[in-house]
PDB file of N, CA and C in Angstrom:
ATOM      1  N   MET A   1     -37.331   6.929 -53.148  1.00  0.00           N
ATOM      2  CA  MET A   1     -37.965   7.916 -51.776  1.00  0.00           C
ATOM      3  C   MET A   1     -37.047   8.663 -50.954  1.00  0.00           C
ATOM      4  N   MET A   2     -37.411  10.005 -51.026  1.00  0.00           N
ATOM      5  CA  MET A   2     -36.726  10.498 -49.568  1.00  0.00           C
ATOM      6  C   MET A   2     -37.581  11.809 -49.061  1.00  0.00           C
ATOM      7  N   THR A   3     -37.821  11.736 -48.068  1.00  0.00           N
ATOM      8  CA  THR A   3     -38.743  13.005 -47.786  1.00  0.00           C
ATOM      9  C   THR A   3     -38.055  14.246 -46.863  1.00  0.00           C
ATOM     10  N   LEU A   4     -38.333  14.992 -47.331  1.00  0.00           N
ATOM     11  CA  LEU A   4     -37.060  16.399 -46.570  1.00  0.00           C
ATOM     12  C   LEU A   4     -38.182  17.569 -46.092  1.00  0.00           C
ATOM     13  N   ALA A   5     -37.966  17.818 -45.260  1.00  0.00           N
ATOM     14  CA  ALA A   5     -39.603  19.083 -44.165  1.00  0.00           C
ATOM     15  C   ALA A   5     -38.114  20.139 -44.126  1.00  0.00           C
ATOM     16  N   LYS A   6     -38.571  20.811 -42.916  1.00  0.00           N
ATOM     17  CA  LYS A   6     -38.682  21.913 -42.079  1.00  0.00           C
ATOM     18  C   LYS A   6     -37.209  22.403 -42.143  1.00  0.00           C
ATOM     19  N   PRO A   7     -35.887  21.379 -42.259  1.00  0.00           N
ATOM     20  CA  PRO A   7     -34.388  22.033 -42.357  1.00  0.00           C
ATOM     21  C   PRO A   7     -33.699  22.405 -43.551  1.00  0.00           C
ATOM     22  N   LEU A   8     -35.252  21.465 -44.910  1.00  0.00           N
ATOM     23  CA  LEU A   8     -34.414  22.166 -46.294  1.00  0.00           C
ATOM     24  C   LEU A   8     -34.865  24.067 -46.610  1.00  0.00           C
ATOM     25  N   ALA A   9     -35.806  25.045 -45.369  1.00  0.00           N
ATOM     26  CA  ALA A   9     -36.914  26.250 -45.421  1.00  0.00           C
ATOM     27  C   ALA A   9     -35.538  26.748 -44.699  1.00  0.00           C
ATOM     28  N   GLY A  10     -34.268  25.910 -43.296  1.00  0.00           N
ATOM     29  CA  GLY A  10     -33.870  27.097 -42.500  1.00  0.00           C
ATOM     30  C   GLY A  10     -35.275  27.043 -41.050  1.00  0.00           C
ATOM     31  N   GLY A  11     -36.696  26.468 -41.355  1.00  0.00           N
ATOM     32  CA  GLY A  11     -37.191  25.697 -40.302  1.00  0.00           C
ATOM     33  C   GLY A  11     -39.179  26.373 -40.612  1.00  0.00           C
ATOM     34  N   LEU A  12     -39.356  27.266 -41.589  1.00  0.00           N
ATOM     35  CA  LEU A  12     -40.036  27.611 -41.846  1.00  0.00           C
ATOM     36  C   LEU A  12     -40.320  26.430 -42.816  1.00  0.00           C
ATOM     37  N   PRO A  13     -41.995  26.561 -42.341  1.00  0.00           N
ATOM     38  CA  PRO A  13     -42.569  24.870 -42.898  1.00  0.00           C
ATOM     39  C   PRO A  13     -42.888  24.679 -45.098  1.00  0.00           C
ATOM     40  N   ILE A  14     -42.107  23.686 -45.289  1.00  0.00           N
ATOM     41  CA  ILE A  14     -42.114  23.629 -46.573  1.00  0.00           C
ATOM     42  C   ILE A  14     -41.985  21.947 -46.588  1.00  0.00           C
ATOM     43  N   GLY A  15     -41.730  21.511 -47.780  1.00  0.00           N
ATOM     44  CA  GLY A  15     -41.905  19.489 -47.499  1.00  0.00           C
ATOM     45  C   GLY A  15     -41.522  19.839 -49.178  1.00  0.00           C
ATOM     46  N   ALA A  16     -40.660  18.706 -49.887  1.00  0.00           N
ATOM     47  CA  ALA A  16     -40.207  17.751 -50.613  1.00  0.00           C
ATOM     48  C   ALA A  16     -40.131  16.358 -50.547  1.00  0.00           C
ATOM     49  N   VAL A  17     -40.590  16.100 -51.644  1.00  0.00           N
ATOM     50  CA  VAL A  17     -39.702  14.573 -51.788  1.00  0.00           C
ATOM     51  C   VAL A  17     -39.010  14.541 -52.877  1.00  0.00           C
ATOM     52  N   LEU A  18     -37.873  13.740 -52.813  1.00  0.00           N
ATOM     53  CA  LEU A  18     -36.885  12.908 -53.628  1.00  0.00           C
ATOM     54  C   LEU A  18     -37.065  11.892 -54.451  1.00  0.00           C
ATOM     55  N   LEU A  19     -37.019  11.460 -55.584  1.00  0.00           N
ATOM     56  CA  LEU A  19     -37.547  10.027 -56.212  1.00  0.00           C
ATOM     57  C   LEU A  19     -36.941   9.899 -57.316  1.00  0.00           C
ATOM     58  N   THR A  20     -36.938   8.607 -57.322  1.00  0.00           N
ATOM     59  CA  THR A  20     -35.492   8.588 -58.904  1.00  0.00           C
ATOM     60  C   THR A  20     -36.217   8.472 -59.694  1.00  0.00           C
ATOM     61  N   GLU A  21     -36.207   8.248 -61.097  1.00  0.00           N
ATOM     62  CA  GLU A  21     -37.002   8.881 -61.905  1.00  0.00           C
ATOM     63  C   GLU A  21     -38.080   7.808 -61.949  1.00  0.00           C
ATOM     64  N   GLU A  22     -37.546   6.367 -62.012  1.00  0.00           N
ATOM     65  CA  GLU A  22     -38.545   5.434 -62.131  1.00  0.00           C
ATOM     66  C   GLU A  22     -39.585   5.466 -61.252  1.00  0.00           C
ATOM     67  N   VAL A  23     -39.241   5.949 -60.282  1.00  0.00           N
ATOM     68  CA  VAL A  23     -40.516   6.028 -59.033  1.00  0.00           C
ATOM     69  C   VAL A  23     -41.443   7.212 -59.318  1.00  0.00           C
ATOM     70  N   ALA A  24     -40.572   8.896 -59.971  1.00  0.00           N
ATOM     71  CA  ALA A  24     -41.074   9.330 -60.293  1.00  0.00           C
ATOM     72  C   ALA A  24     -41.998   9.755 -61.604  1.00  0.00           C
ATOM     73  N   ALA A  25     -41.928   7.733 -62.720  1.00  0.00           N
ATOM     74  CA  ALA A  25     -42.516   8.410 -64.085  1.00  0.00           C
ATOM     75  C   ALA A  25     -43.860   7.809 -62.950  1.00  0.00           C
ATOM     76  N   CYS A  26     -43.892   7.378 -62.278  1.00  0.00           N
ATOM     77  CA  CYS A  26     -45.362   6.438 -61.747  1.00  0.00           C
ATOM     78  C   CYS A  26     -46.106   7.093 -61.225  1.00  0.00           C
ATOM     79  N   ILE A  27     -45.595   8.406 -60.679  1.00  0.00           N
ATOM     80  CA  ILE A  27     -46.825   9.483 -60.053  1.00  0.00           C
ATOM     81  C   ILE A  27     -47.050  10.853 -60.780  1.00  0.00           C
ATOM     82  N   ASN A  28     -48.081  11.002 -61.416  1.00  0.00           N
ATOM     83  CA  ASN A  28     -49.289  11.932 -62.294  1.00  0.00           C
ATOM     84  C   ASN A  28     -48.665  13.677 -61.481  1.00  0.00           C
ATOM     85  N   PRO A  29     -49.083  14.551 -61.841  1.00  0.00           N
ATOM     86  CA  PRO A  29     -49.987  15.927 -61.309  1.00  0.00           C
ATOM     87  C   PRO A  29     -50.494  15.960 -60.838  1.00  0.00           C
ATOM     88  N   GLY A  30     -50.254  16.397 -59.430  1.00  0.00           N
ATOM     89  CA  GLY A  30     -51.756  16.016 -58.618  1.00  0.00           C
ATOM     90  C   GLY A  30     -52.219  14.835 -57.915  1.00  0.00           C
ATOM     91  N   ASP A  31     -51.541  13.789 -57.747  1.00  0.00           N
ATOM     92  CA  ASP A  31     -51.059  12.328 -57.304  1.00  0.00           C
ATOM     93  C   ASP A  31     -50.800  12.724 -55.762  1.00  0.00           C
ATOM     94  N   HIS A  32     -49.391  13.705 -55.904  1.00  0.00           N
ATOM     95  CA  HIS A  32     -48.381  14.481 -54.413  1.00  0.00           C
ATOM     96  C   HIS A  32     -48.917  15.260 -53.813  1.00  0.00           C
ATOM     97  N   GLY A  33     -49.388  15.531 -52.963  1.00  0.00           N
ATOM     98  CA  GLY A  33     -49.931  16.830 -52.005  1.00  0.00           C
ATOM     99  C   GLY A  33     -48.507  17.064 -51.367  1.00  0.00           C
ATOM    100  N   SER A  34     -48.945  17.547 -50.215  1.00  0.00           N
ATOM    101  CA  SER A  34     -48.010  18.383 -49.162  1.00  0.00           C
ATOM    102  C   SER A  34     -48.785  19.036 -47.947  1.00  0.00           C
ATOM    103  N   THR A  35     -48.893  19.308 -46.819  1.00  0.00           N
ATOM    104  CA  THR A  35     -49.220  19.784 -46.331  1.00  0.00           C
ATOM    105  C   THR A  35     -48.188  21.075 -45.430  1.00  0.00           C
ATOM    106  N   PHE A  36     -46.467  20.803 -46.315  1.00  0.00           N
ATOM    107  CA  PHE A  36     -46.372  21.981 -46.276  1.00  0.00           C
ATOM    108  C   PHE A  36     -45.622  22.495 -48.324  1.00  0.00           C
ATOM    109  N   ALA A  37     -47.164  22.963 -48.685  1.00  0.00           N
ATOM    110  CA  ALA A  37     -46.783  23.291 -50.081  1.00  0.00           C
ATOM    111  C   ALA A  37     -46.400  24.380 -50.077  1.00  0.00           C
ATOM    112  N   GLY A  38     -45.464  24.778 -51.137  1.00  0.00           N
ATOM    113  CA  GLY A  38     -44.322  25.987 -51.188  1.00  0.00           C
ATOM    114  C   GLY A  38     -45.004  27.288 -51.877  1.00  0.00           C
ATOM    115  N   ALA A  39     -45.579  28.071 -50.808  1.00  0.00           N
ATOM    116  CA  ALA A  39     -45.297  29.423 -51.004  1.00  0.00           C
ATOM    117  C   ALA A  39     -44.350  30.401 -51.166  1.00  0.00           C
ATOM    118  N   PRO A  40     -44.309  31.684 -51.787  1.00  0.00           N
ATOM    119  CA  PRO A  40     -43.159  31.834 -52.197  1.00  0.00           C
ATOM    120  C   PRO A  40     -41.825  32.211 -51.400  1.00  0.00           C
ATOM    121  N   LEU A  41     -42.462  32.533 -50.652  1.00  0.00           N
ATOM    122  CA  LEU A  41     -41.417  33.336 -49.212  1.00  0.00           C
ATOM    123  C   LEU A  41     -41.164  31.863 -49.126  1.00  0.00           C
ATOM    124  N   VAL A  42     -41.482  31.312 -49.131  1.00  0.00           N
ATOM    125  CA  VAL A  42     -40.939  29.793 -48.393  1.00  0.00           C
ATOM    126  C   VAL A  42     -39.954  28.989 -49.537  1.00  0.00           C
ATOM    127  N   CYS A  43     -40.270  29.517 -50.970  1.00  0.00           N
ATOM    128  CA  CYS A  43     -39.311  28.542 -51.852  1.00  0.00           C
ATOM    129  C   CYS A  43     -38.284  29.517 -51.761  1.00  0.00           C
ATOM    130  N   SER A  44     -38.510  30.121 -51.561  1.00  0.00           N
ATOM    131  CA  SER A  44     -37.443  31.689 -52.201  1.00  0.00           C
ATOM    132  C   SER A  44     -36.205  30.825 -50.571  1.00  0.00           C
ATOM    133  N   ALA A  45     -36.801  31.030 -49.397  1.00  0.00           N
ATOM    134  CA  ALA A  45     -35.818  30.842 -48.165  1.00  0.00           C
ATOM    135  C   ALA A  45     -34.874  29.339 -48.931  1.00  0.00           C
ATOM    136  N   ALA A  46     -36.285  28.001 -49.209  1.00  0.00           N
ATOM    137  CA  ALA A  46     -35.363  27.047 -49.898  1.00  0.00           C
ATOM    138  C   ALA A  46     -34.355  27.135 -50.097  1.00  0.00           C
ATOM    139  N   ARG A  47     -34.993  27.982 -51.654  1.00  0.00           N
ATOM    140  CA  ARG A  47     -33.332  28.074 -52.185  1.00  0.00           C
ATOM    141  C   ARG A  47     -32.115  28.741 -52.158  1.00  0.00           C
ATOM    142  N   TYR A  48     -32.606  29.600 -51.136  1.00  0.00           N
ATOM    143  CA  TYR A  48     -31.339  30.075 -50.584  1.00  0.00           C
ATOM    144  C   TYR A  48     -30.756  28.673 -49.449  1.00  0.00           C
ATOM    145  N   VAL A  49     -30.852  27.835 -48.717  1.00  0.00           N
ATOM    146  CA  VAL A  49     -30.830  27.144 -48.092  1.00  0.00           C
ATOM    147  C   VAL A  49     -29.864  26.442 -48.695  1.00  0.00           C
ATOM    148  N   VAL A  50     -31.114  25.686 -49.472  1.00  0.00           N
ATOM    149  CA  VAL A  50     -30.369  24.430 -50.760  1.00  0.00           C
ATOM    150  C   VAL A  50     -29.266  24.670 -51.795  1.00  0.00           C
ATOM    151  N   GLY A  51     -29.359  26.525 -51.630  1.00  0.00           N
ATOM    152  CA  GLY A  51     -27.644  27.315 -52.104  1.00  0.00           C
ATOM    153  C   GLY A  51     -26.832  26.606 -51.286  1.00  0.00           C
ATOM    154  N   ARG A  52     -27.263  27.595 -50.496  1.00  0.00           N
ATOM    155  CA  ARG A  52     -25.808  28.143 -49.371  1.00  0.00           C
ATOM    156  C   ARG A  52     -24.959  26.455 -48.757  1.00  0.00           C
ATOM    157  N   VAL A  53     -25.872  25.669 -48.724  1.00  0.00           N
ATOM    158  CA  VAL A  53     -25.355  24.479 -47.877  1.00  0.00           C
ATOM    159  C   VAL A  53     -24.706  23.801 -48.706  1.00  0.00           C
ATOM    160  N   ALA A  54     -25.424  23.849 -50.708  1.00  0.00           N
ATOM    161  CA  ALA A  54     -24.765  23.388 -51.840  1.00  0.00           C
ATOM    162  C   ALA A  54     -22.752  24.232 -51.999  1.00  0.00           C
ATOM    163  N   GLN A  55     -22.687  25.508 -50.852  1.00  0.00           N
ATOM    164  CA  GLN A  55     -21.877  25.708 -50.996  1.00  0.00           C
ATOM    165  C   GLN A  55     -20.044  25.102 -50.130  1.00  0.00           C
ATOM    166  N   GLU A  56     -18.748  24.941 -51.186  1.00  0.00           N
ATOM    167  CA  GLU A  56     -17.935  24.238 -50.722  1.00  0.00           C
ATOM    168  C   GLU A  56     -17.358  24.594 -49.546  1.00  0.00           C
ATOM    169  N   SER A  57     -17.778  25.934 -49.263  1.00  0.00           N
ATOM    170  CA  SER A  57     -17.061  26.729 -47.488  1.00  0.00           C
ATOM    171  C   SER A  57     -18.127  25.869 -46.653  1.00  0.00           C
ATOM    172  N   PHE A  58     -19.580  25.839 -46.538  1.00  0.00           N
ATOM    173  CA  PHE A  58     -20.848  25.696 -45.731  1.00  0.00           C
ATOM    174  C   PHE A  58     -19.921  24.172 -45.451  1.00  0.00           C
ATOM    175  N   LEU A  59     -19.659  22.926 -45.975  1.00  0.00           N
ATOM    176  CA  LEU A  59     -19.391  22.089 -45.637  1.00  0.00           C
ATOM    177  C   LEU A  59     -17.958  21.955 -45.537  1.00  0.00           C
ATOM    178  N   LYS A  60     -17.698  22.959 -45.930  1.00  0.00           N
ATOM    179  CA  LYS A  60     -15.751  22.928 -44.933  1.00  0.00           C
ATOM    180  C   LYS A  60     -16.418  23.018 -43.520  1.00  0.00           C
ATOM    181  N   ASN A  61     -17.043  24.449 -43.128  1.00  0.00           N
ATOM    182  CA  ASN A  61     -17.631  25.038 -41.881  1.00  0.00           C
ATOM    183  C   ASN A  61     -17.869  24.308 -41.130  1.00  0.00           C
ATOM    184  N   VAL A  62     -18.639  23.201 -41.709  1.00  0.00           N
ATOM    185  CA  VAL A  62     -19.937  22.254 -40.527  1.00  0.00           C
ATOM    186  C   VAL A  62     -18.428  20.891 -39.681  1.00  0.00           C
ATOM    187  N   GLU A  63     -16.865  21.197 -40.926  1.00  0.00           N
ATOM    188  CA  GLU A  63     -16.520  19.537 -40.865  1.00  0.00           C
ATOM    189  C   GLU A  63     -15.544  20.434 -40.107  1.00  0.00           C
ATOM    190  N   GLU A  64     -14.895  21.784 -39.588  1.00  0.00           N
ATOM    191  CA  GLU A  64     -14.117  22.423 -38.798  1.00  0.00           C
ATOM    192  C   GLU A  64     -14.940  22.040 -37.592  1.00  0.00           C
ATOM    193  N   THR A  65     -16.260  23.269 -37.861  1.00  0.00           N
ATOM    194  CA  THR A  65     -17.096  22.855 -36.452  1.00  0.00           C
ATOM    195  C   THR A  65     -17.173  21.792 -35.560  1.00  0.00           C
ATOM    196  N   GLY A  66     -17.758  20.532 -36.465  1.00  0.00           N
ATOM    197  CA  GLY A  66     -17.985  19.370 -35.549  1.00  0.00           C
ATOM    198  C   GLY A  66     -17.054  18.780 -35.033  1.00  0.00           C
ATOM    199  N   ALA A  67     -15.086  19.299 -35.470  1.00  0.00           N
ATOM    200  CA  ALA A  67     -14.108  18.458 -35.200  1.00  0.00           C
ATOM    201  C   ALA A  67     -14.131  18.618 -33.935  1.00  0.00           C
ATOM    202  N   ARG A  68     -14.023  20.495 -33.772  1.00  0.00           N
ATOM    203  CA  ARG A  68     -13.431  21.216 -32.430  1.00  0.00           C
ATOM    204  C   ARG A  68     -15.431  20.509 -31.282  1.00  0.00           C
ATOM    205  N   LEU A  69     -16.706  20.898 -31.895  1.00  0.00           N
ATOM    206  CA  LEU A  69     -17.055  20.069 -31.379  1.00  0.00           C
ATOM    207  C   LEU A  69     -17.195  18.303 -30.394  1.00  0.00           C
ATOM    208  N   LYS A  70     -16.868  17.347 -31.295  1.00  0.00           N
ATOM    209  CA  LYS A  70     -16.350  16.073 -31.415  1.00  0.00           C
ATOM    210  C   LYS A  70     -15.159  16.011 -30.536  1.00  0.00           C
ATOM    211  N   ALA A  71     -14.006  16.703 -30.716  1.00  0.00           N
ATOM    212  CA  ALA A  71     -13.246  16.889 -29.324  1.00  0.00           C
ATOM    213  C   ALA A  71     -13.585  17.282 -27.715  1.00  0.00           C
ATOM    214  N   GLY A  72     -14.304  18.526 -27.705  1.00  0.00           N
ATOM    215  CA  GLY A  72     -15.106  18.879 -26.892  1.00  0.00           C
ATOM    216  C   GLY A  72     -15.990  17.536 -25.973  1.00  0.00           C
ATOM    217  N   LEU A  73     -16.203  17.204 -26.762  1.00  0.00           N
ATOM    218  CA  LEU A  73     -18.198  15.995 -26.150  1.00  0.00           C
ATOM    219  C   LEU A  73     -16.334  15.235 -25.341  1.00  0.00           C
ATOM    220  N   GLU A  74     -15.824  14.500 -26.329  1.00  0.00           N
ATOM    221  CA  GLU A  74     -14.865  13.279 -25.535  1.00  0.00           C
ATOM    222  C   GLU A  74     -14.207  13.708 -24.957  1.00  0.00           C
ATOM    223  N   LYS A  75     -14.013  15.541 -24.259  1.00  0.00           N
ATOM    224  CA  LYS A  75     -12.897  15.325 -23.348  1.00  0.00           C
ATOM    225  C   LYS A  75     -14.248  15.281 -22.680  1.00  0.00           C
ATOM    226  N   LEU A  76     -15.489  15.878 -22.553  1.00  0.00           N
ATOM    227  CA  LEU A  76     -15.880  15.450 -21.161  1.00  0.00           C
ATOM    228  C   LEU A  76     -16.559  14.125 -20.930  1.00  0.00           C
ATOM    229  N   ALA A  77     -16.519  13.040 -22.081  1.00  0.00           N
ATOM    230  CA  ALA A  77     -16.861  11.921 -21.997  1.00  0.00           C
ATOM    231  C   ALA A  77     -15.906  10.745 -21.743  1.00  0.00           C
ATOM    232  N   GLU A  78     -14.653  10.711 -21.968  1.00  0.00           N
ATOM    233  CA  GLU A  78     -13.815   9.828 -22.126  1.00  0.00           C
ATOM    234  C   GLU A  78     -13.302   9.551 -20.100  1.00  0.00           C
ATOM    235  N   PRO A  79     -13.418  10.021 -19.298  1.00  0.00           N
ATOM    236  CA  PRO A  79     -13.535   9.998 -17.701  1.00  0.00           C
ATOM    237  C   PRO A  79     -14.377   9.452 -17.605  1.00  0.00           C
ATOM    238  N   HIS A  80     -15.590   9.375 -18.002  1.00  0.00           N
ATOM    239  CA  HIS A  80     -16.868   8.503 -17.695  1.00  0.00           C
ATOM    240  C   HIS A  80     -17.760   7.152 -18.532  1.00  0.00           C
ATOM    241  N   GLY A  81     -16.075   6.579 -19.481  1.00  0.00           N
ATOM    242  CA  GLY A  81     -16.470   5.351 -20.313  1.00  0.00           C
ATOM    243  C   GLY A  81     -17.414   5.656 -21.123  1.00  0.00           C
ATOM    244  N   LEU A  82     -17.979   6.914 -21.708  1.00  0.00           N
ATOM    245  CA  LEU A  82     -18.031   7.017 -22.827  1.00  0.00           C
ATOM    246  C   LEU A  82     -18.171   7.328 -23.902  1.00  0.00           C
ATOM    247  N   ALA A  83     -18.855   7.123 -24.958  1.00  0.00           N
ATOM    248  CA  ALA A  83     -18.142   6.709 -26.587  1.00  0.00           C
ATOM    249  C   ALA A  83     -19.129   8.531 -27.121  1.00  0.00           C
ATOM    250  N   VAL A  84     -18.632   9.083 -28.129  1.00  0.00           N
ATOM    251  CA  VAL A  84     -18.801   9.601 -28.936  1.00  0.00           C
ATOM    252  C   VAL A  84     -19.173   8.916 -30.326  1.00  0.00           C
ATOM    253  N   ARG A  85     -20.176   9.358 -30.703  1.00  0.00           N
ATOM    254  CA  ARG A  85     -20.325   9.046 -32.108  1.00  0.00           C
ATOM    255  C   ARG A  85     -21.053   9.749 -32.804  1.00  0.00           C
ATOM    256  N   GLY A  86     -20.931   9.650 -34.330  1.00  0.00           N
ATOM    257  CA  GLY A  86     -21.350  10.639 -35.275  1.00  0.00           C
ATOM    258  C   GLY A  86     -20.993  11.768 -36.033  1.00  0.00           C
ATOM    259  N   THR A  87     -20.962  12.063 -37.321  1.00  0.00           N
ATOM    260  CA  THR A  87     -19.953  12.852 -37.829  1.00  0.00           C
ATOM    261  C   THR A  87     -20.655  14.777 -38.311  1.00  0.00           C
ATOM    262  N   GLY A  88     -19.649  15.415 -38.254  1.00  0.00           N
ATOM    263  CA  GLY A  88     -20.535  16.697 -38.878  1.00  0.00           C
ATOM    264  C   GLY A  88     -20.156  17.320 -37.565  1.00  0.00           C
ATOM    265  N   LEU A  89     -22.164  17.468 -37.864  1.00  0.00           N
ATOM    266  CA  LEU A  89     -22.374  18.385 -36.585  1.00  0.00           C
ATOM    267  C   LEU A  89     -23.222  17.323 -35.635  1.00  0.00           C
ATOM    268  N   LEU A  90     -23.873  16.392 -35.950  1.00  0.00           N
ATOM    269  CA  LEU A  90     -24.843  15.584 -35.685  1.00  0.00           C
ATOM    270  C   LEU A  90     -24.450  14.304 -34.939  1.00  0.00           C
ATOM    271  N   LEU A  91     -24.064  14.301 -33.931  1.00  0.00           N
ATOM    272  CA  LEU A  91     -22.607  13.974 -33.048  1.00  0.00           C
ATOM    273  C   LEU A  91     -23.940  13.795 -31.278  1.00  0.00           C
ATOM    274  N   GLY A  92     -23.647  12.560 -31.501  1.00  0.00           N
ATOM    275  CA  GLY A  92     -23.763  12.567 -29.655  1.00  0.00           C
ATOM    276  C   GLY A  92     -23.607  11.999 -28.421  1.00  0.00           C
ATOM    277  N   ILE A  93     -23.372  11.615 -27.518  1.00  0.00           N
ATOM    278  CA  ILE A  93     -22.782  10.640 -26.685  1.00  0.00           C
ATOM    279  C   ILE A  93     -23.524   9.862 -26.300  1.00  0.00           C
ATOM    280  N   VAL A  94     -23.111   8.244 -26.161  1.00  0.00           N
ATOM    281  CA  VAL A  94     -23.564   6.971 -25.832  1.00  0.00           C
ATOM    282  C   VAL A  94     -23.680   6.805 -24.337  1.00  0.00           C
ATOM    283  N   CYS A  95     -24.953   6.461 -23.888  1.00  0.00           N
ATOM    284  CA  CYS A  95     -25.092   6.620 -22.396  1.00  0.00           C
ATOM    285  C   CYS A  95     -26.247   5.597 -21.868  1.00  0.00           C
ATOM    286  N   ARG A  96     -25.434   4.530 -22.907  1.00  0.00           N
ATOM    287  CA  ARG A  96     -26.778   3.295 -23.115  1.00  0.00           C
ATOM    288  C   ARG A  96     -26.537   2.372 -21.197  1.00  0.00           C
ATOM    289  N   GLY A  97     -27.472   2.122 -20.464  1.00  0.00           N
ATOM    290  CA  GLY A  97     -27.396   2.461 -18.971  1.00  0.00           C
ATOM    291  C   GLY A  97     -26.898   3.181 -18.652  1.00  0.00           C
ATOM    292  N   TRP A  98     -25.992   4.366 -18.804  1.00  0.00           N
ATOM    293  CA  TRP A  98     -24.855   5.195 -17.352  1.00  0.00           C
ATOM    294  C   TRP A  98     -25.772   6.311 -17.104  1.00  0.00           C
ATOM    295  N   PHE A  99     -27.007   6.076 -17.770  1.00  0.00           N
ATOM    296  CA  PHE A  99     -27.854   7.682 -16.660  1.00  0.00           C
ATOM    297  C   PHE A  99     -28.822   7.161 -16.156  1.00  0.00           C
ATOM    298  N   THR A 100     -28.898   5.378 -15.566  1.00  0.00           N
ATOM    299  CA  THR A 100     -29.353   5.076 -14.936  1.00  0.00           C
ATOM    300  C   THR A 100     -28.829   5.051 -13.652  1.00  0.00           C
ATOM    301  N   GLU A 101     -27.303   4.701 -13.705  1.00  0.00           N
ATOM    302  CA  GLU A 101     -26.716   5.132 -12.532  1.00  0.00           C
ATOM    303  C   GLU A 101     -26.271   6.724 -11.696  1.00  0.00           C
ATOM    304  N   GLN A 102     -25.553   7.354 -13.780  1.00  0.00           N
ATOM    305  CA  GLN A 102     -24.505   7.877 -13.442  1.00  0.00           C
ATOM    306  C   GLN A 102     -25.366   9.746 -13.580  1.00  0.00           C
ATOM    307  N   GLY A 103     -26.490   9.299 -14.357  1.00  0.00           N
ATOM    308  CA  GLY A 103     -26.787  10.150 -14.932  1.00  0.00           C
ATOM    309  C   GLY A 103     -27.502  11.595 -14.073  1.00  0.00           C
ATOM    310  N   PRO A 104     -27.627  11.044 -12.692  1.00  0.00           N
ATOM    311  CA  PRO A 104     -27.744  12.762 -12.151  1.00  0.00           C
ATOM    312  C   PRO A 104     -26.720  13.243 -11.528  1.00  0.00           C
ATOM    313  N   LYS A 105     -25.496  12.860 -11.860  1.00  0.00           N
ATOM    314  CA  LYS A 105     -24.202  13.618 -11.292  1.00  0.00           C
ATOM    315  C   LYS A 105     -23.822  14.550 -12.976  1.00  0.00           C
ATOM    316  N   TRP A 106     -24.005  13.970 -14.555  1.00  0.00           N
ATOM    317  CA  TRP A 106     -24.420  14.324 -15.708  1.00  0.00           C
ATOM    318  C   TRP A 106     -23.585  15.859 -15.800  1.00  0.00           C
ATOM    319  N   ARG A 107     -25.203  15.904 -15.238  1.00  0.00           N
ATOM    320  CA  ARG A 107     -25.215  17.293 -14.976  1.00  0.00           C
ATOM    321  C   ARG A 107     -24.262  18.046 -14.718  1.00  0.00           C
ATOM    322  N   HIS A 108     -24.660  18.085 -13.591  1.00  0.00           N
ATOM    323  CA  HIS A 108     -23.560  18.931 -12.497  1.00  0.00           C
ATOM    324  C   HIS A 108     -21.838  18.756 -13.759  1.00  0.00           C
ATOM    325  N   VAL A 109     -21.588  17.495 -14.509  1.00  0.00           N
ATOM    326  CA  VAL A 109     -19.909  17.538 -14.437  1.00  0.00           C
ATOM    327  C   VAL A 109     -19.833  18.199 -15.956  1.00  0.00           C
ATOM    328  N   ALA A 110     -21.154  17.815 -17.001  1.00  0.00           N
ATOM    329  CA  ALA A 110     -21.242  18.853 -18.453  1.00  0.00           C
ATOM    330  C   ALA A 110     -21.047  20.550 -17.266  1.00  0.00           C
ATOM    331  N   ILE A 111     -21.653  20.923 -16.499  1.00  0.00           N
ATOM    332  CA  ILE A 111     -21.545  22.248 -16.587  1.00  0.00           C
ATOM    333  C   ILE A 111     -20.468  22.355 -15.806  1.00  0.00           C
ATOM    334  N   SER A 112     -20.325  22.025 -15.085  1.00  0.00           N
ATOM    335  CA  SER A 112     -18.672  22.412 -13.765  1.00  0.00           C
ATOM    336  C   SER A 112     -17.174  22.128 -15.741  1.00  0.00           C
ATOM    337  N   GLU A 113     -17.411  21.225 -16.098  1.00  0.00           N
ATOM    338  CA  GLU A 113     -16.265  21.482 -16.564  1.00  0.00           C
ATOM    339  C   GLU A 113     -16.048  22.030 -18.034  1.00  0.00           C
ATOM    340  N   SER A 114     -17.307  22.725 -18.249  1.00  0.00           N
ATOM    341  CA  SER A 114     -17.285  23.419 -19.510  1.00  0.00           C
ATOM    342  C   SER A 114     -17.228  25.008 -18.957  1.00  0.00           C
ATOM    343  N   GLY A 115     -17.208  24.678 -17.576  1.00  0.00           N
ATOM    344  CA  GLY A 115     -16.556  26.416 -17.285  1.00  0.00           C
ATOM    345  C   GLY A 115     -18.402  27.305 -17.093  1.00  0.00           C
ATOM    346  N   SER A 116     -19.568  26.886 -17.337  1.00  0.00           N
ATOM    347  CA  SER A 116     -20.236  27.456 -17.677  1.00  0.00           C
ATOM    348  C   SER A 116     -21.338  27.874 -15.525  1.00  0.00           C
TER     349      SER A 116
END
């Protein structure tokens, strides 16, 4: 069982649940409800989002943009002995224990090295 919510419709209020056939066989109509029930406009938006994400060009763009983002984050993180983890656009910098010692300096480093 996997539940999905706001990203499914690009931020609009909708929810969904994905089930295996075995689990779905145990649920009858009306057994499952949602505070984010599917209004027509929101369902239309969700249908568009799912269709767009399923396109091969979408994944290719995520991979290319993610690679550029990861390279940029690594450029910022490596001089400070930090690691970048994740895939695609779901990336993060591992700062375990680092912020307690170096945290106040990090904002300045990120801003000055990005040119902002």
